[in-house]
């Protein structure tokens, strides 16, 4: 009879078989191919590609580009109309602005320190019998309704104002919100500059700067002694339009009309539009 295997040998054989089976399973897992990616994972890539194609594709603006030259004849006239409309709006806004009463505005001269300095300057001039040297100030950021009369009435509280000019628009007469004021005494002008610079006046922090001698010239005061009146542009244009034209002017007008008409006919032909109309050419030939 064959002898039975010892228990130790059986245990060794069992362990060997288990290890072999485990190694085989792990080898099968490593050798198995990776699962195929889900179809949904490809959608973002396709979307990105389509977005790139959309961005790279030129926009169909050919029709708009073809139509632009057909309307380019009156661009200059439109710009002139817009600028004139803006000037008229500015002038209307200034006409509607309430006129400020300089007497009701707070007076900086009520300040004790300012009043004392002005009195000292006046007394020193009288005592020394010294000659007054004028001083010029630039005043900016003026509020609406603060014009020549109001400026003179308000700044005269400090001293004698010899000359004053409010800058205005030549076409409409609308103020540009800055002015130049000349005081009879330069020392008084210096006190006014220190007192009124960044002073809150009707909701505006006005800017006051002292101008140097080389900055002051005679053309600075052109129109300072008279009240500005806006030029009646519509009346001037109407009179200019209604006055009889010379033969040379008539020929020039006729040449411009024929030139514009031929340009329009050429554009219609280039666009493939067969359209005939009675123009200036037939009238000029008669």
C-alpha atoms as a PDB file:
ATOM      1  CA  UNK A   1       0.000   0.000   0.000  1.00  0.00           C
ATOM      2  CA  UNK A   2       1.181   3.535  -0.817  1.00  0.00           C
ATOM      3  CA  UNK A   3       1.887   5.798   2.062  1.00  0.00           C
ATOM      4  CA  UNK A   4      -0.263   8.917   2.553  1.00  0.00           C
ATOM      5  CA  UNK A   5       1.410  12.271   2.014  1.00  0.00           C
ATOM      6  CA  UNK A   6       2.312  14.101   5.172  1.00  0.00           C
ATOM      7  CA  UNK A   7       0.109  17.075   6.210  1.00  0.00           C
ATOM      8  CA  UNK A   8       2.940  19.550   5.647  1.00  0.00           C
ATOM      9  CA  UNK A   9       3.292  18.506   2.020  1.00  0.00           C
ATOM     10  CA  UNK A  10      -0.452  18.922   1.481  1.00  0.00           C
ATOM     11  CA  UNK A  11      -0.401  22.453   2.884  1.00  0.00           C
ATOM     12  CA  UNK A  12       2.524  23.389   0.654  1.00  0.00           C
ATOM     13  CA  UNK A  13       0.783  22.069  -2.451  1.00  0.00           C
ATOM     14  CA  UNK A  14      -2.423  23.936  -1.595  1.00  0.00           C
ATOM     15  CA  UNK A  15      -0.549  27.231  -1.107  1.00  0.00           C
ATOM     16  CA  UNK A  16       1.299  26.754  -4.395  1.00  0.00           C
ATOM     17  CA  UNK A  17      -1.951  26.150  -6.301  1.00  0.00           C
ATOM     18  CA  UNK A  18      -3.589  29.229  -4.735  1.00  0.00           C
ATOM     19  CA  UNK A  19      -0.634  31.450  -5.641  1.00  0.00           C
ATOM     20  CA  UNK A  20      -0.657  30.142  -9.209  1.00  0.00           C
ATOM     21  CA  UNK A  21      -4.377  30.899  -9.605  1.00  0.00           C
ATOM     22  CA  UNK A  22      -3.971  34.425  -8.188  1.00  0.00           C
ATOM     23  CA  UNK A  23      -1.081  35.179 -10.543  1.00  0.00           C
ATOM     24  CA  UNK A  24      -3.109  33.962 -13.514  1.00  0.00           C
ATOM     25  CA  UNK A  25      -6.044  36.224 -12.625  1.00  0.00           C
ATOM     26  CA  UNK A  26      -3.811  39.271 -12.234  1.00  0.00           C
ATOM     27  CA  UNK A  27      -2.162  38.538 -15.577  1.00  0.00           C
ATOM     28  CA  UNK A  28      -5.566  38.334 -17.244  1.00  0.00           C
ATOM     29  CA  UNK A  29      -6.549  41.723 -15.751  1.00  0.00           C
ATOM     30  CA  UNK A  30      -3.359  43.329 -17.044  1.00  0.00           C
ATOM     31  CA  UNK A  31      -3.745  41.797 -20.480  1.00  0.00           C
ATOM     32  CA  UNK A  32      -7.416  42.836 -20.833  1.00  0.00           C
ATOM     33  CA  UNK A  33      -7.846  45.907 -23.090  1.00  0.00           C
ATOM     34  CA  UNK A  34      -9.020  49.183 -21.560  1.00  0.00           C
ATOM     35  CA  UNK A  35     -12.722  49.948 -21.989  1.00  0.00           C
ATOM     36  CA  UNK A  36     -13.560  52.101 -25.020  1.00  0.00           C
ATOM     37  CA  UNK A  37     -14.367  55.741 -24.182  1.00  0.00           C
ATOM     38  CA  UNK A  38     -18.001  56.694 -24.138  1.00  0.00           C
ATOM     39  CA  UNK A  39     -19.272  58.434 -27.273  1.00  0.00           C
ATOM     40  CA  UNK A  40     -20.311  61.424 -25.178  1.00  0.00           C
ATOM     41  CA  UNK A  41     -16.667  62.248 -24.489  1.00  0.00           C
ATOM     42  CA  UNK A  42     -16.157  63.203 -28.145  1.00  0.00           C
ATOM     43  CA  UNK A  43     -18.897  65.857 -28.160  1.00  0.00           C
ATOM     44  CA  UNK A  44     -16.882  68.658 -26.523  1.00  0.00           C
ATOM     45  CA  UNK A  45     -14.088  68.115 -29.041  1.00  0.00           C
ATOM     46  CA  UNK A  46     -16.496  68.326 -31.960  1.00  0.00           C
ATOM     47  CA  UNK A  47     -18.104  71.393 -30.431  1.00  0.00           C
ATOM     48  CA  UNK A  48     -14.739  73.093 -30.026  1.00  0.00           C
ATOM     49  CA  UNK A  49     -13.862  72.328 -33.626  1.00  0.00           C
ATOM     50  CA  UNK A  50     -17.170  73.699 -34.841  1.00  0.00           C
ATOM     51  CA  UNK A  51     -16.674  76.826 -32.711  1.00  0.00           C
ATOM     52  CA  UNK A  52     -13.243  77.339 -34.231  1.00  0.00           C
ATOM     53  CA  UNK A  53     -14.702  76.961 -37.701  1.00  0.00           C
ATOM     54  CA  UNK A  54     -17.405  79.470 -36.864  1.00  0.00           C
ATOM     55  CA  UNK A  55     -14.853  81.966 -35.601  1.00  0.00           C
ATOM     56  CA  UNK A  56     -12.609  81.467 -38.579  1.00  0.00           C
ATOM     57  CA  UNK A  57     -15.440  81.821 -41.093  1.00  0.00           C
ATOM     58  CA  UNK A  58     -15.793  85.413 -42.400  1.00  0.00           C
ATOM     59  CA  UNK A  59     -19.058  87.196 -41.770  1.00  0.00           C
ATOM     60  CA  UNK A  60     -21.218  87.806 -44.840  1.00  0.00           C
ATOM     61  CA  UNK A  61     -20.993  91.603 -44.970  1.00  0.00           C
ATOM     62  CA  UNK A  62     -20.622  91.930 -48.740  1.00  0.00           C
ATOM     63  CA  UNK A  63     -24.104  93.371 -49.182  1.00  0.00           C
ATOM     64  CA  UNK A  64     -23.515  96.070 -46.562  1.00  0.00           C
ATOM     65  CA  UNK A  65     -20.167  97.001 -48.047  1.00  0.00           C
ATOM     66  CA  UNK A  66     -21.736  97.403 -51.474  1.00  0.00           C
ATOM     67  CA  UNK A  67     -24.455  99.666 -50.130  1.00  0.00           C
ATOM     68  CA  UNK A  68     -22.188 102.059 -48.238  1.00  0.00           C
ATOM     69  CA  UNK A  69     -20.824 103.972 -51.264  1.00  0.00           C
ATOM     70  CA  UNK A  70     -24.357 104.558 -52.562  1.00  0.00           C
ATOM     71  CA  UNK A  71     -25.125 106.633 -49.479  1.00  0.00           C
ATOM     72  CA  UNK A  72     -21.787 108.412 -49.150  1.00  0.00           C
ATOM     73  CA  UNK A  73     -22.760 111.545 -51.069  1.00  0.00           C
ATOM     74  CA  UNK A  74     -24.391 113.366 -48.180  1.00  0.00           C
ATOM     75  CA  UNK A  75     -22.038 112.428 -45.316  1.00  0.00           C
ATOM     76  CA  UNK A  76     -20.472 115.867 -45.102  1.00  0.00           C
ATOM     77  CA  UNK A  77     -23.859 117.529 -45.025  1.00  0.00           C
ATOM     78  CA  UNK A  78     -24.984 115.205 -42.228  1.00  0.00           C
ATOM     79  CA  UNK A  79     -21.886 116.019 -40.166  1.00  0.00           C
ATOM     80  CA  UNK A  80     -22.483 119.736 -40.618  1.00  0.00           C
ATOM     81  CA  UNK A  81     -26.113 119.338 -39.612  1.00  0.00           C
ATOM     82  CA  UNK A  82     -25.167 117.363 -36.491  1.00  0.00           C
ATOM     83  CA  UNK A  83     -22.558 119.923 -35.403  1.00  0.00           C
ATOM     84  CA  UNK A  84     -24.991 122.793 -35.965  1.00  0.00           C
ATOM     85  CA  UNK A  85     -27.666 120.912 -34.015  1.00  0.00           C
ATOM     86  CA  UNK A  86     -25.251 120.452 -31.106  1.00  0.00           C
ATOM     87  CA  UNK A  87     -24.408 124.156 -31.117  1.00  0.00           C
ATOM     88  CA  UNK A  88     -28.091 125.043 -31.132  1.00  0.00           C
ATOM     89  CA  UNK A  89     -28.749 122.650 -28.228  1.00  0.00           C
ATOM     90  CA  UNK A  90     -25.944 124.237 -26.201  1.00  0.00           C
ATOM     91  CA  UNK A  91     -27.276 127.689 -26.939  1.00  0.00           C
ATOM     92  CA  UNK A  92     -30.809 126.640 -25.944  1.00  0.00           C
ATOM     93  CA  UNK A  93     -29.534 125.130 -22.685  1.00  0.00           C
ATOM     94  CA  UNK A  94     -27.787 128.374 -21.803  1.00  0.00           C
ATOM     95  CA  UNK A  95     -30.836 130.463 -22.742  1.00  0.00           C
ATOM     96  CA  UNK A  96     -33.029 128.327 -20.488  1.00  0.00           C
ATOM     97  CA  UNK A  97     -30.570 128.490 -17.556  1.00  0.00           C
ATOM     98  CA  UNK A  98     -31.747 130.830 -14.778  1.00  0.00           C
ATOM     99  CA  UNK A  99     -29.706 133.993 -14.298  1.00  0.00           C
ATOM    100  CA  UNK A 100     -27.976 133.962 -10.909  1.00  0.00           C
ATOM    101  CA  UNK A 101     -28.413 136.926  -8.586  1.00  0.00           C
ATOM    102  CA  UNK A 102     -24.922 137.912  -7.436  1.00  0.00           C
ATOM    103  CA  UNK A 103     -26.370 139.768  -4.450  1.00  0.00           C
ATOM    104  CA  UNK A 104     -27.899 136.588  -3.036  1.00  0.00           C
ATOM    105  CA  UNK A 105     -24.732 134.501  -3.367  1.00  0.00           C
ATOM    106  CA  UNK A 106     -22.537 134.000  -0.289  1.00  0.00           C
ATOM    107  CA  UNK A 107     -19.868 136.682  -0.065  1.00  0.00           C
ATOM    108  CA  UNK A 108     -16.285 135.640   0.597  1.00  0.00           C
ATOM    109  CA  UNK A 109     -15.518 139.165   1.735  1.00  0.00           C
ATOM    110  CA  UNK A 110     -17.565 138.514   4.872  1.00  0.00           C
ATOM    111  CA  UNK A 111     -14.645 136.420   6.087  1.00  0.00           C
ATOM    112  CA  UNK A 112     -12.835 138.464   8.729  1.00  0.00           C
ATOM    113  CA  UNK A 113      -9.364 137.386   7.615  1.00  0.00           C
ATOM    114  CA  UNK A 114     -10.027 138.211   3.949  1.00  0.00           C
ATOM    115  CA  UNK A 115     -11.539 141.571   4.825  1.00  0.00           C
ATOM    116  CA  UNK A 116      -8.559 142.402   7.032  1.00  0.00           C
ATOM    117  CA  UNK A 117      -6.081 141.569   4.252  1.00  0.00           C
ATOM    118  CA  UNK A 118      -7.957 143.715   1.728  1.00  0.00           C
ATOM    119  CA  UNK A 119      -8.098 146.624   4.155  1.00  0.00           C
ATOM    120  CA  UNK A 120      -4.372 146.323   4.861  1.00  0.00           C
ATOM    121  CA  UNK A 121      -3.518 146.353   1.147  1.00  0.00           C
ATOM    122  CA  UNK A 122      -5.672 149.436   0.605  1.00  0.00           C
ATOM    123  CA  UNK A 123      -4.139 151.274   3.569  1.00  0.00           C
ATOM    124  CA  UNK A 124      -0.595 150.418   2.492  1.00  0.00           C
ATOM    125  CA  UNK A 125      -1.241 151.722  -1.024  1.00  0.00           C
ATOM    126  CA  UNK A 126      -2.654 154.960   0.363  1.00  0.00           C
ATOM    127  CA  UNK A 127       0.126 155.396   2.911  1.00  0.00           C
ATOM    128  CA  UNK A 128       3.002 154.749   0.527  1.00  0.00           C
ATOM    129  CA  UNK A 129       1.267 156.433  -2.413  1.00  0.00           C
ATOM    130  CA  UNK A 130       2.416 153.512  -4.552  1.00  0.00           C
ATOM    131  CA  UNK A 131       1.194 152.904  -8.065  1.00  0.00           C
ATOM    132  CA  UNK A 132      -1.259 150.079  -8.631  1.00  0.00           C
ATOM    133  CA  UNK A 133      -0.150 147.307 -10.993  1.00  0.00           C
ATOM    134  CA  UNK A 134      -3.054 145.369 -12.569  1.00  0.00           C
ATOM    135  CA  UNK A 135      -3.400 141.622 -12.080  1.00  0.00           C
ATOM    136  CA  UNK A 136      -5.273 139.146 -14.286  1.00  0.00           C
ATOM    137  CA  UNK A 137      -7.089 136.010 -13.113  1.00  0.00           C
ATOM    138  CA  UNK A 138      -8.403 133.006 -15.000  1.00  0.00           C
ATOM    139  CA  UNK A 139     -11.729 131.785 -13.613  1.00  0.00           C
ATOM    140  CA  UNK A 140     -12.932 128.370 -14.785  1.00  0.00           C
ATOM    141  CA  UNK A 141     -15.825 125.933 -14.222  1.00  0.00           C
ATOM    142  CA  UNK A 142     -18.367 128.731 -13.971  1.00  0.00           C
ATOM    143  CA  UNK A 143     -22.005 127.646 -13.462  1.00  0.00           C
ATOM    144  CA  UNK A 144     -24.857 128.327 -15.874  1.00  0.00           C
ATOM    145  CA  UNK A 145     -26.388 131.748 -15.500  1.00  0.00           C
ATOM    146  CA  UNK A 146     -23.144 133.329 -14.241  1.00  0.00           C
ATOM    147  CA  UNK A 147     -22.342 135.701 -17.095  1.00  0.00           C
ATOM    148  CA  UNK A 148     -20.629 139.093 -17.578  1.00  0.00           C
ATOM    149  CA  UNK A 149     -22.924 141.158 -15.358  1.00  0.00           C
ATOM    150  CA  UNK A 150     -22.964 138.556 -12.607  1.00  0.00           C
ATOM    151  CA  UNK A 151     -19.176 138.115 -12.710  1.00  0.00           C
ATOM    152  CA  UNK A 152     -18.548 141.852 -12.478  1.00  0.00           C
ATOM    153  CA  UNK A 153     -21.065 142.299  -9.654  1.00  0.00           C
ATOM    154  CA  UNK A 154     -19.681 139.395  -7.634  1.00  0.00           C
ATOM    155  CA  UNK A 155     -15.930 140.012  -7.992  1.00  0.00           C
ATOM    156  CA  UNK A 156     -16.261 143.766  -7.490  1.00  0.00           C
ATOM    157  CA  UNK A 157     -16.754 143.045  -3.779  1.00  0.00           C
ATOM    158  CA  UNK A 158     -12.980 142.513  -3.522  1.00  0.00           C
ATOM    159  CA  UNK A 159     -11.763 145.500  -5.522  1.00  0.00           C
ATOM    160  CA  UNK A 160     -11.980 147.441  -8.759  1.00  0.00           C
ATOM    161  CA  UNK A 161     -12.514 145.256 -11.857  1.00  0.00           C
ATOM    162  CA  UNK A 162     -11.040 147.062 -14.858  1.00  0.00           C
ATOM    163  CA  UNK A 163     -11.632 144.495 -17.611  1.00  0.00           C
ATOM    164  CA  UNK A 164     -13.600 141.273 -17.907  1.00  0.00           C
ATOM    165  CA  UNK A 165     -14.202 138.838 -20.746  1.00  0.00           C
ATOM    166  CA  UNK A 166     -16.350 135.721 -20.680  1.00  0.00           C
ATOM    167  CA  UNK A 167     -15.350 133.283 -23.413  1.00  0.00           C
ATOM    168  CA  UNK A 168     -18.269 132.468 -25.710  1.00  0.00           C
ATOM    169  CA  UNK A 169     -19.002 130.371 -28.782  1.00  0.00           C
ATOM    170  CA  UNK A 170     -18.688 132.540 -31.882  1.00  0.00           C
ATOM    171  CA  UNK A 171     -21.595 130.888 -33.673  1.00  0.00           C
ATOM    172  CA  UNK A 172     -24.201 130.552 -30.945  1.00  0.00           C
ATOM    173  CA  UNK A 173     -23.003 132.916 -28.230  1.00  0.00           C
ATOM    174  CA  UNK A 174     -23.150 130.135 -25.635  1.00  0.00           C
ATOM    175  CA  UNK A 175     -20.625 130.670 -22.800  1.00  0.00           C
ATOM    176  CA  UNK A 176     -17.702 128.267 -22.466  1.00  0.00           C
ATOM    177  CA  UNK A 177     -17.743 128.463 -18.645  1.00  0.00           C
ATOM    178  CA  UNK A 178     -14.453 130.298 -18.184  1.00  0.00           C
ATOM    179  CA  UNK A 179     -13.532 133.978 -18.034  1.00  0.00           C
ATOM    180  CA  UNK A 180     -10.635 136.393 -17.584  1.00  0.00           C
ATOM    181  CA  UNK A 181     -10.853 139.154 -14.975  1.00  0.00           C
ATOM    182  CA  UNK A 182      -8.428 142.043 -14.554  1.00  0.00           C
ATOM    183  CA  UNK A 183      -8.201 143.815 -11.193  1.00  0.00           C
ATOM    184  CA  UNK A 184      -6.727 147.277 -10.822  1.00  0.00           C
ATOM    185  CA  UNK A 185      -4.332 146.018  -8.132  1.00  0.00           C
ATOM    186  CA  UNK A 186      -2.224 142.882  -8.437  1.00  0.00           C
ATOM    187  CA  UNK A 187      -2.170 142.375  -4.654  1.00  0.00           C
ATOM    188  CA  UNK A 188      -5.972 142.316  -4.576  1.00  0.00           C
ATOM    189  CA  UNK A 189      -5.964 139.785  -7.428  1.00  0.00           C
ATOM    190  CA  UNK A 190      -3.618 137.547  -5.407  1.00  0.00           C
ATOM    191  CA  UNK A 191      -6.003 137.652  -2.432  1.00  0.00           C
ATOM    192  CA  UNK A 192      -8.950 136.828  -4.704  1.00  0.00           C
ATOM    193  CA  UNK A 193      -7.043 133.869  -6.182  1.00  0.00           C
ATOM    194  CA  UNK A 194      -6.259 132.420  -2.739  1.00  0.00           C
ATOM    195  CA  UNK A 195      -9.802 133.000  -1.502  1.00  0.00           C
ATOM    196  CA  UNK A 196     -11.865 131.871  -4.485  1.00  0.00           C
ATOM    197  CA  UNK A 197      -9.843 128.921  -5.824  1.00  0.00           C
ATOM    198  CA  UNK A 198     -11.893 125.694  -5.290  1.00  0.00           C
ATOM    199  CA  UNK A 199     -14.728 127.826  -3.899  1.00  0.00           C
ATOM    200  CA  UNK A 200     -18.163 126.171  -4.086  1.00  0.00           C
ATOM    201  CA  UNK A 201     -20.358 128.477  -6.155  1.00  0.00           C
ATOM    202  CA  UNK A 202     -23.849 127.261  -7.069  1.00  0.00           C
ATOM    203  CA  UNK A 203     -22.731 123.615  -6.981  1.00  0.00           C
ATOM    204  CA  UNK A 204     -19.481 124.217  -8.926  1.00  0.00           C
ATOM    205  CA  UNK A 205     -15.958 124.237  -7.523  1.00  0.00           C
ATOM    206  CA  UNK A 206     -14.637 127.164  -9.516  1.00  0.00           C
ATOM    207  CA  UNK A 207     -10.955 127.242 -10.469  1.00  0.00           C
ATOM    208  CA  UNK A 208      -9.093 130.539 -10.105  1.00  0.00           C
ATOM    209  CA  UNK A 209      -5.503 130.897 -11.332  1.00  0.00           C
ATOM    210  CA  UNK A 210      -3.290 133.966 -11.509  1.00  0.00           C
ATOM    211  CA  UNK A 211      -1.932 134.631 -14.999  1.00  0.00           C
ATOM    212  CA  UNK A 212       1.667 135.663 -15.557  1.00  0.00           C
ATOM    213  CA  UNK A 213       2.726 138.677 -17.571  1.00  0.00           C
ATOM    214  CA  UNK A 214       3.727 136.720 -20.689  1.00  0.00           C
ATOM    215  CA  UNK A 215       0.348 134.962 -20.718  1.00  0.00           C
ATOM    216  CA  UNK A 216      -1.594 138.227 -20.948  1.00  0.00           C
ATOM    217  CA  UNK A 217      -1.845 139.812 -24.407  1.00  0.00           C
ATOM    218  CA  UNK A 218      -4.137 142.383 -25.978  1.00  0.00           C
ATOM    219  CA  UNK A 219      -6.162 139.869 -27.972  1.00  0.00           C
ATOM    220  CA  UNK A 220      -7.185 138.350 -24.660  1.00  0.00           C
ATOM    221  CA  UNK A 221      -9.539 141.298 -24.144  1.00  0.00           C
ATOM    222  CA  UNK A 222     -11.120 141.452 -27.598  1.00  0.00           C
ATOM    223  CA  UNK A 223     -14.838 142.043 -27.052  1.00  0.00           C
ATOM    224  CA  UNK A 224     -14.498 142.672 -23.306  1.00  0.00           C
ATOM    225  CA  UNK A 225     -16.070 146.131 -23.486  1.00  0.00           C
ATOM    226  CA  UNK A 226     -19.247 145.167 -25.331  1.00  0.00           C
ATOM    227  CA  UNK A 227     -22.150 142.848 -24.800  1.00  0.00           C
ATOM    228  CA  UNK A 228     -21.988 139.806 -27.010  1.00  0.00           C
ATOM    229  CA  UNK A 229     -24.820 139.199 -29.451  1.00  0.00           C
ATOM    230  CA  UNK A 230     -24.999 135.902 -31.329  1.00  0.00           C
ATOM    231  CA  UNK A 231     -24.815 136.078 -35.110  1.00  0.00           C
ATOM    232  CA  UNK A 232     -28.242 135.362 -36.707  1.00  0.00           C
ATOM    233  CA  UNK A 233     -26.932 132.512 -38.865  1.00  0.00           C
ATOM    234  CA  UNK A 234     -30.303 131.541 -40.328  1.00  0.00           C
ATOM    235  CA  UNK A 235     -30.979 135.107 -41.449  1.00  0.00           C
ATOM    236  CA  UNK A 236     -27.502 135.423 -42.984  1.00  0.00           C
ATOM    237  CA  UNK A 237     -27.897 132.128 -44.848  1.00  0.00           C
ATOM    238  CA  UNK A 238     -31.352 133.112 -46.086  1.00  0.00           C
ATOM    239  CA  UNK A 239     -30.119 136.449 -47.426  1.00  0.00           C
ATOM    240  CA  UNK A 240     -27.116 134.798 -49.057  1.00  0.00           C
ATOM    241  CA  UNK A 241     -29.332 132.175 -50.679  1.00  0.00           C
ATOM    242  CA  UNK A 242     -31.926 134.671 -51.936  1.00  0.00           C
ATOM    243  CA  UNK A 243     -29.549 137.162 -53.496  1.00  0.00           C
ATOM    244  CA  UNK A 244     -29.269 136.946 -57.324  1.00  0.00           C
ATOM    245  CA  UNK A 245     -26.457 134.760 -58.635  1.00  0.00           C
ATOM    246  CA  UNK A 246     -23.944 135.714 -61.294  1.00  0.00           C
ATOM    247  CA  UNK A 247     -23.473 133.751 -64.530  1.00  0.00           C
ATOM    248  CA  UNK A 248     -20.310 132.186 -63.132  1.00  0.00           C
ATOM    249  CA  UNK A 249     -22.141 130.989 -60.010  1.00  0.00           C
ATOM    250  CA  UNK A 250     -24.972 129.550 -62.120  1.00  0.00           C
ATOM    251  CA  UNK A 251     -22.493 127.604 -64.274  1.00  0.00           C
ATOM    252  CA  UNK A 252     -20.816 126.234 -61.166  1.00  0.00           C
ATOM    253  CA  UNK A 253     -24.131 125.080 -59.691  1.00  0.00           C
ATOM    254  CA  UNK A 254     -25.133 123.466 -62.992  1.00  0.00           C
ATOM    255  CA  UNK A 255     -21.792 121.640 -63.276  1.00  0.00           C
ATOM    256  CA  UNK A 256     -22.162 120.225 -59.748  1.00  0.00           C
ATOM    257  CA  UNK A 257     -25.705 119.016 -60.466  1.00  0.00           C
ATOM    258  CA  UNK A 258     -24.634 117.249 -63.670  1.00  0.00           C
ATOM    259  CA  UNK A 259     -21.652 115.678 -61.926  1.00  0.00           C
ATOM    260  CA  UNK A 260     -23.788 114.226 -59.130  1.00  0.00           C
ATOM    261  CA  UNK A 261     -26.376 112.990 -61.619  1.00  0.00           C
ATOM    262  CA  UNK A 262     -23.796 111.134 -63.736  1.00  0.00           C
ATOM    263  CA  UNK A 263     -22.376 109.580 -60.579  1.00  0.00           C
ATOM    264  CA  UNK A 264     -25.798 108.269 -59.561  1.00  0.00           C
ATOM    265  CA  UNK A 265     -26.441 106.844 -63.048  1.00  0.00           C
ATOM    266  CA  UNK A 266     -23.074 105.062 -62.995  1.00  0.00           C
ATOM    267  CA  UNK A 267     -23.796 103.498 -59.610  1.00  0.00           C
ATOM    268  CA  UNK A 268     -27.176 102.245 -60.817  1.00  0.00           C
ATOM    269  CA  UNK A 269     -25.541 100.610 -63.852  1.00  0.00           C
ATOM    270  CA  UNK A 270     -22.849  98.984 -61.712  1.00  0.00           C
ATOM    271  CA  UNK A 271     -25.553  97.597 -59.425  1.00  0.00           C
ATOM    272  CA  UNK A 272     -27.372  96.070 -62.418  1.00  0.00           C
ATOM    273  CA  UNK A 273     -30.430  98.296 -62.074  1.00  0.00           C
ATOM    274  CA  UNK A 274     -32.013  99.364 -65.345  1.00  0.00           C
ATOM    275  CA  UNK A 275     -33.696 102.600 -64.343  1.00  0.00           C
ATOM    276  CA  UNK A 276     -34.158 105.646 -66.550  1.00  0.00           C
ATOM    277  CA  UNK A 277     -35.220 109.044 -65.255  1.00  0.00           C
ATOM    278  CA  UNK A 278     -35.353 112.616 -66.481  1.00  0.00           C
ATOM    279  CA  UNK A 279     -32.443 114.479 -65.001  1.00  0.00           C
ATOM    280  CA  UNK A 280     -30.677 117.799 -65.203  1.00  0.00           C
ATOM    281  CA  UNK A 281     -28.800 116.839 -68.357  1.00  0.00           C
ATOM    282  CA  UNK A 282     -31.895 117.089 -70.572  1.00  0.00           C
ATOM    283  CA  UNK A 283     -32.906 120.393 -68.998  1.00  0.00           C
ATOM    284  CA  UNK A 284     -29.412 121.828 -69.440  1.00  0.00           C
ATOM    285  CA  UNK A 285     -29.340 120.857 -73.120  1.00  0.00           C
ATOM    286  CA  UNK A 286     -32.557 122.774 -73.885  1.00  0.00           C
END
